[in-house]
């Protein structure tokens, strides 16, 4: 009996072991199959997500690089366009300003040169005419007076005069200055200086001029000789700005004495 039970128990164990072996094989086969399916699906899903992530990363990178390239090209094109527009406008503005400046400079230069030429021509014409008239008057007075005494005027002191124009004395004393001046409410006349005073006197201002006393022969019928008529004899020895009480109706006038000898 015991032998029968032992045999039966052995058979049960064998069957159990066989069943366990088959179960292990089935489990392994299922695991392998599930692993393969899971691997394939996981690989597919990973690939899809990787492609998506790669596309997004590539898009972002491409977008940024494209944006930068587009900005650089746009900036370059904008700079070129702005440069061309600015250059054209600069040329136009430069022409306009250059024309205006040239016109002003040309006018100023022409005016100065014209004035100088006019002064020179006027001085020469005045000298020639004055010489002829003076000679004729001298001959007449000499004939009329014969050996009688002649009339003279002596000028001394100082006078107040306003400076109208300063220029180089290119006619008589090159390198020195000639000034067009006038007394208060009187006509202009020329003063010659034995130096360059263009940086010392100012146009439009009044000055007191001291001069070396001089005598001149005057017509016998002249009672009040005018120093302007003998401006070529005036030798300036000093000058200073006029005070308020030395201008206008209170201007200094030269001392004039007439006498015969």
C-alpha atoms as a PDB file:
ATOM      1  CA  UNK A   1       0.000   0.000   0.000  1.00  0.00           C
ATOM      2  CA  UNK A   2       2.750   2.345   0.950  1.00  0.00           C
ATOM      3  CA  UNK A   3       4.511   1.562  -2.311  1.00  0.00           C
ATOM      4  CA  UNK A   4       1.391   2.417  -4.271  1.00  0.00           C
ATOM      5  CA  UNK A   5       1.067   5.774  -2.468  1.00  0.00           C
ATOM      6  CA  UNK A   6       4.747   6.502  -3.084  1.00  0.00           C
ATOM      7  CA  UNK A   7       4.359   5.757  -6.757  1.00  0.00           C
ATOM      8  CA  UNK A   8       1.258   7.924  -7.010  1.00  0.00           C
ATOM      9  CA  UNK A   9       3.037  10.790  -5.213  1.00  0.00           C
ATOM     10  CA  UNK A  10       5.962  10.480  -7.601  1.00  0.00           C
ATOM     11  CA  UNK A  11       3.627  10.613 -10.587  1.00  0.00           C
ATOM     12  CA  UNK A  12       1.968  13.709  -9.185  1.00  0.00           C
ATOM     13  CA  UNK A  13       5.332  15.347  -8.705  1.00  0.00           C
ATOM     14  CA  UNK A  14       6.401  14.464 -12.235  1.00  0.00           C
ATOM     15  CA  UNK A  15       3.164  15.797 -13.664  1.00  0.00           C
ATOM     16  CA  UNK A  16       3.508  18.946 -11.563  1.00  0.00           C
ATOM     17  CA  UNK A  17       7.060  19.440 -12.701  1.00  0.00           C
ATOM     18  CA  UNK A  18       6.068  18.904 -16.304  1.00  0.00           C
ATOM     19  CA  UNK A  19       3.224  21.373 -15.930  1.00  0.00           C
ATOM     20  CA  UNK A  20       5.541  23.933 -14.342  1.00  0.00           C
ATOM     21  CA  UNK A  21       8.026  23.485 -17.153  1.00  0.00           C
ATOM     22  CA  UNK A  22       5.324  24.011 -19.753  1.00  0.00           C
ATOM     23  CA  UNK A  23       4.068  27.055 -17.809  1.00  0.00           C
ATOM     24  CA  UNK A  24       7.584  28.518 -17.730  1.00  0.00           C
ATOM     25  CA  UNK A  25       7.977  27.966 -21.439  1.00  0.00           C
ATOM     26  CA  UNK A  26       4.613  29.599 -22.135  1.00  0.00           C
ATOM     27  CA  UNK A  27       5.485  32.533 -19.889  1.00  0.00           C
ATOM     28  CA  UNK A  28       8.830  32.980 -21.608  1.00  0.00           C
ATOM     29  CA  UNK A  29       7.237  32.811 -25.041  1.00  0.00           C
ATOM     30  CA  UNK A  30       4.615  35.389 -23.982  1.00  0.00           C
ATOM     31  CA  UNK A  31       7.303  37.604 -22.499  1.00  0.00           C
ATOM     32  CA  UNK A  32       9.354  37.463 -25.679  1.00  0.00           C
ATOM     33  CA  UNK A  33       6.365  38.193 -27.864  1.00  0.00           C
ATOM     34  CA  UNK A  34       5.176  41.032 -25.586  1.00  0.00           C
ATOM     35  CA  UNK A  35       8.697  42.436 -25.438  1.00  0.00           C
ATOM     36  CA  UNK A  36       8.939  42.485 -29.211  1.00  0.00           C
ATOM     37  CA  UNK A  37       5.542  44.108 -29.634  1.00  0.00           C
ATOM     38  CA  UNK A  38       6.255  46.630 -26.878  1.00  0.00           C
ATOM     39  CA  UNK A  39       9.688  47.349 -28.301  1.00  0.00           C
ATOM     40  CA  UNK A  40       8.294  47.964 -31.783  1.00  0.00           C
ATOM     41  CA  UNK A  41       5.501  50.173 -30.497  1.00  0.00           C
ATOM     42  CA  UNK A  42       7.839  52.024 -28.133  1.00  0.00           C
ATOM     43  CA  UNK A  43      10.356  52.504 -30.927  1.00  0.00           C
ATOM     44  CA  UNK A  44       7.623  53.799 -33.238  1.00  0.00           C
ATOM     45  CA  UNK A  45       6.253  56.123 -30.565  1.00  0.00           C
ATOM     46  CA  UNK A  46       9.762  57.306 -29.632  1.00  0.00           C
ATOM     47  CA  UNK A  47      10.586  57.867 -33.246  1.00  0.00           C
ATOM     48  CA  UNK A  48       7.411  59.877 -33.772  1.00  0.00           C
ATOM     49  CA  UNK A  49       8.012  61.942 -30.649  1.00  0.00           C
ATOM     50  CA  UNK A  50      11.700  62.334 -31.575  1.00  0.00           C
ATOM     51  CA  UNK A  51      10.769  63.498 -35.059  1.00  0.00           C
ATOM     52  CA  UNK A  52       8.242  65.922 -33.589  1.00  0.00           C
ATOM     53  CA  UNK A  53      10.747  67.219 -31.067  1.00  0.00           C
ATOM     54  CA  UNK A  54      13.419  67.378 -33.760  1.00  0.00           C
ATOM     55  CA  UNK A  55      11.070  69.216 -36.093  1.00  0.00           C
ATOM     56  CA  UNK A  56      10.213  71.704 -33.371  1.00  0.00           C
ATOM     57  CA  UNK A  57      13.856  72.209 -32.413  1.00  0.00           C
ATOM     58  CA  UNK A  58      14.876  72.458 -36.071  1.00  0.00           C
ATOM     59  CA  UNK A  59      12.022  74.877 -36.785  1.00  0.00           C
ATOM     60  CA  UNK A  60      12.985  77.053 -33.862  1.00  0.00           C
ATOM     61  CA  UNK A  61      16.641  77.062 -34.816  1.00  0.00           C
ATOM     62  CA  UNK A  62      15.817  77.691 -38.464  1.00  0.00           C
ATOM     63  CA  UNK A  63      13.380  80.431 -37.497  1.00  0.00           C
ATOM     64  CA  UNK A  64      15.967  82.216 -35.358  1.00  0.00           C
ATOM     65  CA  UNK A  65      18.707  81.894 -37.968  1.00  0.00           C
ATOM     66  CA  UNK A  66      16.334  82.926 -40.746  1.00  0.00           C
ATOM     67  CA  UNK A  67      15.167  85.886 -38.693  1.00  0.00           C
ATOM     68  CA  UNK A  68      18.738  86.995 -38.066  1.00  0.00           C
ATOM     69  CA  UNK A  69      19.697  86.559 -41.714  1.00  0.00           C
ATOM     70  CA  UNK A  70      16.581  88.447 -42.778  1.00  0.00           C
ATOM     71  CA  UNK A  71      17.338  91.237 -40.276  1.00  0.00           C
ATOM     72  CA  UNK A  72      20.924  91.530 -41.513  1.00  0.00           C
ATOM     73  CA  UNK A  73      19.835  91.636 -45.138  1.00  0.00           C
ATOM     74  CA  UNK A  74      17.062  94.112 -44.341  1.00  0.00           C
ATOM     75  CA  UNK A  75      19.445  96.309 -42.351  1.00  0.00           C
ATOM     76  CA  UNK A  76      21.976  96.239 -45.166  1.00  0.00           C
ATOM     77  CA  UNK A  77      19.338  97.098 -47.750  1.00  0.00           C
ATOM     78  CA  UNK A  78      17.917  99.802 -45.475  1.00  0.00           C
ATOM     79  CA  UNK A  79      21.377 101.278 -44.898  1.00  0.00           C
ATOM     80  CA  UNK A  80      22.112 101.343 -48.610  1.00  0.00           C
ATOM     81  CA  UNK A  81      18.778 102.955 -49.382  1.00  0.00           C
ATOM     82  CA  UNK A  82      19.168 105.490 -46.568  1.00  0.00           C
ATOM     83  CA  UNK A  83      22.756 106.188 -47.638  1.00  0.00           C
ATOM     84  CA  UNK A  84      21.713 106.810 -51.218  1.00  0.00           C
ATOM     85  CA  UNK A  85      18.838 109.048 -50.147  1.00  0.00           C
ATOM     86  CA  UNK A  86      21.058 110.909 -47.668  1.00  0.00           C
ATOM     87  CA  UNK A  87      23.814 111.285 -50.260  1.00  0.00           C
ATOM     88  CA  UNK A  88      21.426 112.752 -52.830  1.00  0.00           C
ATOM     89  CA  UNK A  89      19.910 115.116 -50.291  1.00  0.00           C
ATOM     90  CA  UNK A  90      23.400 116.077 -49.091  1.00  0.00           C
ATOM     91  CA  UNK A  91      24.491 116.873 -52.649  1.00  0.00           C
ATOM     92  CA  UNK A  92      21.399 119.010 -53.189  1.00  0.00           C
ATOM     93  CA  UNK A  93      21.817 120.820 -49.862  1.00  0.00           C
ATOM     94  CA  UNK A  94      25.557 121.264 -50.468  1.00  0.00           C
ATOM     95  CA  UNK A  95      24.924 122.811 -53.881  1.00  0.00           C
ATOM     96  CA  UNK A  96      22.378 125.205 -52.413  1.00  0.00           C
ATOM     97  CA  UNK A  97      24.594 126.228 -49.481  1.00  0.00           C
ATOM     98  CA  UNK A  98      27.683 126.433 -51.679  1.00  0.00           C
ATOM     99  CA  UNK A  99      25.834 128.621 -54.166  1.00  0.00           C
ATOM    100  CA  UNK A 100      24.602 130.924 -51.396  1.00  0.00           C
ATOM    101  CA  UNK A 101      28.043 131.113 -49.779  1.00  0.00           C
ATOM    102  CA  UNK A 102      29.726 131.697 -53.136  1.00  0.00           C
ATOM    103  CA  UNK A 103      27.207 134.365 -54.033  1.00  0.00           C
ATOM    104  CA  UNK A 104      27.721 136.188 -50.734  1.00  0.00           C
ATOM    105  CA  UNK A 105      31.498 135.897 -50.948  1.00  0.00           C
ATOM    106  CA  UNK A 106      31.507 136.971 -54.574  1.00  0.00           C
ATOM    107  CA  UNK A 107      29.279 139.926 -53.799  1.00  0.00           C
ATOM    108  CA  UNK A 108      31.443 140.992 -50.865  1.00  0.00           C
ATOM    109  CA  UNK A 109      34.678 140.592 -52.826  1.00  0.00           C
ATOM    110  CA  UNK A 110      33.239 142.359 -55.851  1.00  0.00           C
ATOM    111  CA  UNK A 111      31.942 145.190 -53.702  1.00  0.00           C
ATOM    112  CA  UNK A 112      35.303 145.665 -51.960  1.00  0.00           C
ATOM    113  CA  UNK A 113      37.280 145.510 -55.176  1.00  0.00           C
ATOM    114  CA  UNK A 114      34.797 147.769 -56.906  1.00  0.00           C
ATOM    115  CA  UNK A 115      35.006 150.233 -54.042  1.00  0.00           C
ATOM    116  CA  UNK A 116      38.801 150.210 -54.138  1.00  0.00           C
ATOM    117  CA  UNK A 117      38.803 150.643 -57.897  1.00  0.00           C
ATOM    118  CA  UNK A 118      36.310 153.486 -57.565  1.00  0.00           C
ATOM    119  CA  UNK A 119      38.412 155.172 -54.889  1.00  0.00           C
ATOM    120  CA  UNK A 120      41.532 154.864 -57.024  1.00  0.00           C
ATOM    121  CA  UNK A 121      39.800 156.186 -60.142  1.00  0.00           C
ATOM    122  CA  UNK A 122      38.181 158.960 -58.136  1.00  0.00           C
ATOM    123  CA  UNK A 123      41.461 159.968 -56.553  1.00  0.00           C
ATOM    124  CA  UNK A 124      43.226 160.040 -59.877  1.00  0.00           C
ATOM    125  CA  UNK A 125      40.427 161.936 -61.604  1.00  0.00           C
ATOM    126  CA  UNK A 126      40.154 164.331 -58.654  1.00  0.00           C
ATOM    127  CA  UNK A 127      43.891 164.852 -58.563  1.00  0.00           C
ATOM    128  CA  UNK A 128      44.101 165.556 -62.275  1.00  0.00           C
ATOM    129  CA  UNK A 129      41.117 167.887 -62.258  1.00  0.00           C
ATOM    130  CA  UNK A 130      42.255 169.603 -59.068  1.00  0.00           C
ATOM    131  CA  UNK A 131      45.724 170.030 -60.469  1.00  0.00           C
ATOM    132  CA  UNK A 132      44.443 171.718 -63.620  1.00  0.00           C
ATOM    133  CA  UNK A 133      41.999 173.939 -61.729  1.00  0.00           C
ATOM    134  CA  UNK A 134      44.566 174.768 -59.060  1.00  0.00           C
ATOM    135  CA  UNK A 135      47.139 175.661 -61.651  1.00  0.00           C
ATOM    136  CA  UNK A 136      44.711 177.897 -63.495  1.00  0.00           C
ATOM    137  CA  UNK A 137      43.565 179.583 -60.277  1.00  0.00           C
ATOM    138  CA  UNK A 138      47.168 180.041 -59.204  1.00  0.00           C
ATOM    139  CA  UNK A 139      48.037 181.688 -62.488  1.00  0.00           C
ATOM    140  CA  UNK A 140      45.018 183.975 -62.212  1.00  0.00           C
ATOM    141  CA  UNK A 141      45.749 184.943 -58.628  1.00  0.00           C
ATOM    142  CA  UNK A 142      49.417 185.426 -59.398  1.00  0.00           C
ATOM    143  CA  UNK A 143      48.587 187.761 -62.262  1.00  0.00           C
ATOM    144  CA  UNK A 144      46.028 189.620 -60.182  1.00  0.00           C
ATOM    145  CA  UNK A 145      48.140 190.008 -57.079  1.00  0.00           C
ATOM    146  CA  UNK A 146      51.432 190.656 -58.820  1.00  0.00           C
ATOM    147  CA  UNK A 147      53.943 191.348 -56.109  1.00  0.00           C
ATOM    148  CA  UNK A 148      51.311 191.969 -53.405  1.00  0.00           C
ATOM    149  CA  UNK A 149      51.099 189.841 -50.235  1.00  0.00           C
ATOM    150  CA  UNK A 150      49.485 186.388 -50.497  1.00  0.00           C
ATOM    151  CA  UNK A 151      46.854 184.866 -48.213  1.00  0.00           C
ATOM    152  CA  UNK A 152      47.501 181.738 -46.172  1.00  0.00           C
ATOM    153  CA  UNK A 153      45.601 179.490 -43.801  1.00  0.00           C
ATOM    154  CA  UNK A 154      47.134 177.673 -40.867  1.00  0.00           C
ATOM    155  CA  UNK A 155      45.409 174.549 -39.528  1.00  0.00           C
ATOM    156  CA  UNK A 156      46.262 173.016 -36.141  1.00  0.00           C
ATOM    157  CA  UNK A 157      44.785 171.080 -33.203  1.00  0.00           C
ATOM    158  CA  UNK A 158      42.486 168.088 -33.714  1.00  0.00           C
ATOM    159  CA  UNK A 159      39.081 167.174 -35.090  1.00  0.00           C
ATOM    160  CA  UNK A 160      36.330 164.600 -34.561  1.00  0.00           C
ATOM    161  CA  UNK A 161      35.433 162.434 -37.569  1.00  0.00           C
ATOM    162  CA  UNK A 162      33.558 159.187 -38.144  1.00  0.00           C
ATOM    163  CA  UNK A 163      35.207 156.395 -40.149  1.00  0.00           C
ATOM    164  CA  UNK A 164      33.121 155.245 -43.103  1.00  0.00           C
ATOM    165  CA  UNK A 165      35.543 152.894 -44.867  1.00  0.00           C
ATOM    166  CA  UNK A 166      39.086 151.551 -44.383  1.00  0.00           C
ATOM    167  CA  UNK A 167      41.199 150.172 -47.232  1.00  0.00           C
ATOM    168  CA  UNK A 168      44.787 149.776 -48.346  1.00  0.00           C
ATOM    169  CA  UNK A 169      46.345 152.849 -49.911  1.00  0.00           C
ATOM    170  CA  UNK A 170      47.384 151.177 -53.140  1.00  0.00           C
ATOM    171  CA  UNK A 171      47.736 154.464 -55.035  1.00  0.00           C
ATOM    172  CA  UNK A 172      50.125 156.647 -53.059  1.00  0.00           C
ATOM    173  CA  UNK A 173      51.362 154.638 -50.062  1.00  0.00           C
ATOM    174  CA  UNK A 174      51.016 150.859 -50.669  1.00  0.00           C
ATOM    175  CA  UNK A 175      50.853 148.861 -47.438  1.00  0.00           C
ATOM    176  CA  UNK A 176      49.423 151.777 -45.477  1.00  0.00           C
ATOM    177  CA  UNK A 177      45.781 152.667 -44.918  1.00  0.00           C
ATOM    178  CA  UNK A 178      43.476 155.236 -46.434  1.00  0.00           C
ATOM    179  CA  UNK A 179      40.234 156.051 -44.620  1.00  0.00           C
ATOM    180  CA  UNK A 180      37.052 157.669 -45.855  1.00  0.00           C
ATOM    181  CA  UNK A 181      35.835 159.881 -42.991  1.00  0.00           C
ATOM    182  CA  UNK A 182      33.323 162.667 -42.458  1.00  0.00           C
ATOM    183  CA  UNK A 183      32.570 165.406 -39.978  1.00  0.00           C
ATOM    184  CA  UNK A 184      29.183 165.547 -38.270  1.00  0.00           C
ATOM    185  CA  UNK A 185      26.504 166.111 -40.923  1.00  0.00           C
ATOM    186  CA  UNK A 186      29.157 166.841 -43.564  1.00  0.00           C
ATOM    187  CA  UNK A 187      30.499 165.259 -46.723  1.00  0.00           C
ATOM    188  CA  UNK A 188      33.269 162.600 -46.836  1.00  0.00           C
ATOM    189  CA  UNK A 189      36.966 163.138 -47.454  1.00  0.00           C
ATOM    190  CA  UNK A 190      40.114 160.998 -47.436  1.00  0.00           C
ATOM    191  CA  UNK A 191      42.681 160.614 -44.654  1.00  0.00           C
ATOM    192  CA  UNK A 192      45.988 158.921 -45.365  1.00  0.00           C
ATOM    193  CA  UNK A 193      47.954 157.118 -42.668  1.00  0.00           C
ATOM    194  CA  UNK A 194      51.643 156.262 -42.700  1.00  0.00           C
ATOM    195  CA  UNK A 195      50.852 152.860 -41.172  1.00  0.00           C
ATOM    196  CA  UNK A 196      48.336 150.034 -41.371  1.00  0.00           C
ATOM    197  CA  UNK A 197      45.469 150.973 -39.028  1.00  0.00           C
ATOM    198  CA  UNK A 198      42.880 148.475 -40.266  1.00  0.00           C
ATOM    199  CA  UNK A 199      43.094 146.587 -36.966  1.00  0.00           C
ATOM    200  CA  UNK A 200      43.147 149.730 -34.831  1.00  0.00           C
ATOM    201  CA  UNK A 201      40.244 151.749 -36.246  1.00  0.00           C
ATOM    202  CA  UNK A 202      36.725 150.423 -36.777  1.00  0.00           C
ATOM    203  CA  UNK A 203      34.282 151.438 -39.472  1.00  0.00           C
ATOM    204  CA  UNK A 204      31.199 153.246 -38.192  1.00  0.00           C
ATOM    205  CA  UNK A 205      32.907 154.670 -35.091  1.00  0.00           C
ATOM    206  CA  UNK A 206      33.938 158.246 -34.277  1.00  0.00           C
ATOM    207  CA  UNK A 207      37.517 159.219 -33.350  1.00  0.00           C
ATOM    208  CA  UNK A 208      39.450 162.342 -32.389  1.00  0.00           C
ATOM    209  CA  UNK A 209      42.386 162.771 -34.788  1.00  0.00           C
ATOM    210  CA  UNK A 210      45.449 164.866 -33.928  1.00  0.00           C
ATOM    211  CA  UNK A 211      47.464 166.186 -36.860  1.00  0.00           C
ATOM    212  CA  UNK A 212      50.653 168.087 -37.514  1.00  0.00           C
ATOM    213  CA  UNK A 213      49.981 171.843 -38.041  1.00  0.00           C
ATOM    214  CA  UNK A 214      50.361 172.972 -41.640  1.00  0.00           C
ATOM    215  CA  UNK A 215      50.024 176.115 -43.749  1.00  0.00           C
ATOM    216  CA  UNK A 216      48.545 176.385 -47.244  1.00  0.00           C
ATOM    217  CA  UNK A 217      48.128 179.174 -49.754  1.00  0.00           C
ATOM    218  CA  UNK A 218      44.447 180.047 -50.192  1.00  0.00           C
ATOM    219  CA  UNK A 219      42.568 182.285 -52.626  1.00  0.00           C
ATOM    220  CA  UNK A 220      42.377 185.860 -51.449  1.00  0.00           C
ATOM    221  CA  UNK A 221      38.574 185.838 -51.529  1.00  0.00           C
ATOM    222  CA  UNK A 222      38.240 182.816 -49.186  1.00  0.00           C
ATOM    223  CA  UNK A 223      37.367 183.861 -45.640  1.00  0.00           C
ATOM    224  CA  UNK A 224      36.608 180.473 -44.058  1.00  0.00           C
ATOM    225  CA  UNK A 225      38.900 177.820 -45.490  1.00  0.00           C
ATOM    226  CA  UNK A 226      37.771 174.200 -45.011  1.00  0.00           C
ATOM    227  CA  UNK A 227      40.393 171.637 -44.006  1.00  0.00           C
ATOM    228  CA  UNK A 228      38.636 169.028 -46.212  1.00  0.00           C
ATOM    229  CA  UNK A 229      39.827 170.990 -49.248  1.00  0.00           C
ATOM    230  CA  UNK A 230      43.418 170.438 -48.127  1.00  0.00           C
ATOM    231  CA  UNK A 231      43.125 166.821 -46.940  1.00  0.00           C
ATOM    232  CA  UNK A 232      46.308 165.831 -48.775  1.00  0.00           C
ATOM    233  CA  UNK A 233      48.253 168.063 -46.349  1.00  0.00           C
ATOM    234  CA  UNK A 234      46.839 166.371 -43.234  1.00  0.00           C
ATOM    235  CA  UNK A 235      49.463 164.259 -41.468  1.00  0.00           C
ATOM    236  CA  UNK A 236      47.858 162.297 -38.612  1.00  0.00           C
ATOM    237  CA  UNK A 237      50.031 162.083 -35.504  1.00  0.00           C
ATOM    238  CA  UNK A 238      47.575 160.388 -33.124  1.00  0.00           C
ATOM    239  CA  UNK A 239      44.010 159.222 -32.656  1.00  0.00           C
ATOM    240  CA  UNK A 240      41.651 157.953 -29.966  1.00  0.00           C
ATOM    241  CA  UNK A 241      37.992 157.034 -29.604  1.00  0.00           C
ATOM    242  CA  UNK A 242      35.772 160.100 -29.246  1.00  0.00           C
ATOM    243  CA  UNK A 243      33.936 160.695 -25.986  1.00  0.00           C
ATOM    244  CA  UNK A 244      30.213 161.443 -25.910  1.00  0.00           C
ATOM    245  CA  UNK A 245      30.937 165.145 -25.339  1.00  0.00           C
ATOM    246  CA  UNK A 246      33.169 165.187 -28.441  1.00  0.00           C
ATOM    247  CA  UNK A 247      30.590 163.967 -30.954  1.00  0.00           C
ATOM    248  CA  UNK A 248      27.630 165.456 -32.804  1.00  0.00           C
ATOM    249  CA  UNK A 249      27.152 169.177 -32.301  1.00  0.00           C
ATOM    250  CA  UNK A 250      29.995 169.119 -29.769  1.00  0.00           C
ATOM    251  CA  UNK A 251      32.534 167.643 -32.181  1.00  0.00           C
ATOM    252  CA  UNK A 252      36.096 168.907 -32.068  1.00  0.00           C
ATOM    253  CA  UNK A 253      37.009 171.136 -35.013  1.00  0.00           C
ATOM    254  CA  UNK A 254      40.476 172.139 -36.177  1.00  0.00           C
ATOM    255  CA  UNK A 255      41.790 175.585 -35.341  1.00  0.00           C
ATOM    256  CA  UNK A 256      42.025 177.766 -38.497  1.00  0.00           C
ATOM    257  CA  UNK A 257      43.990 180.999 -38.773  1.00  0.00           C
ATOM    258  CA  UNK A 258      44.270 183.108 -41.923  1.00  0.00           C
ATOM    259  CA  UNK A 259      47.058 185.594 -42.578  1.00  0.00           C
ATOM    260  CA  UNK A 260      49.023 187.210 -45.364  1.00  0.00           C
ATOM    261  CA  UNK A 261      52.680 187.338 -46.018  1.00  0.00           C
END
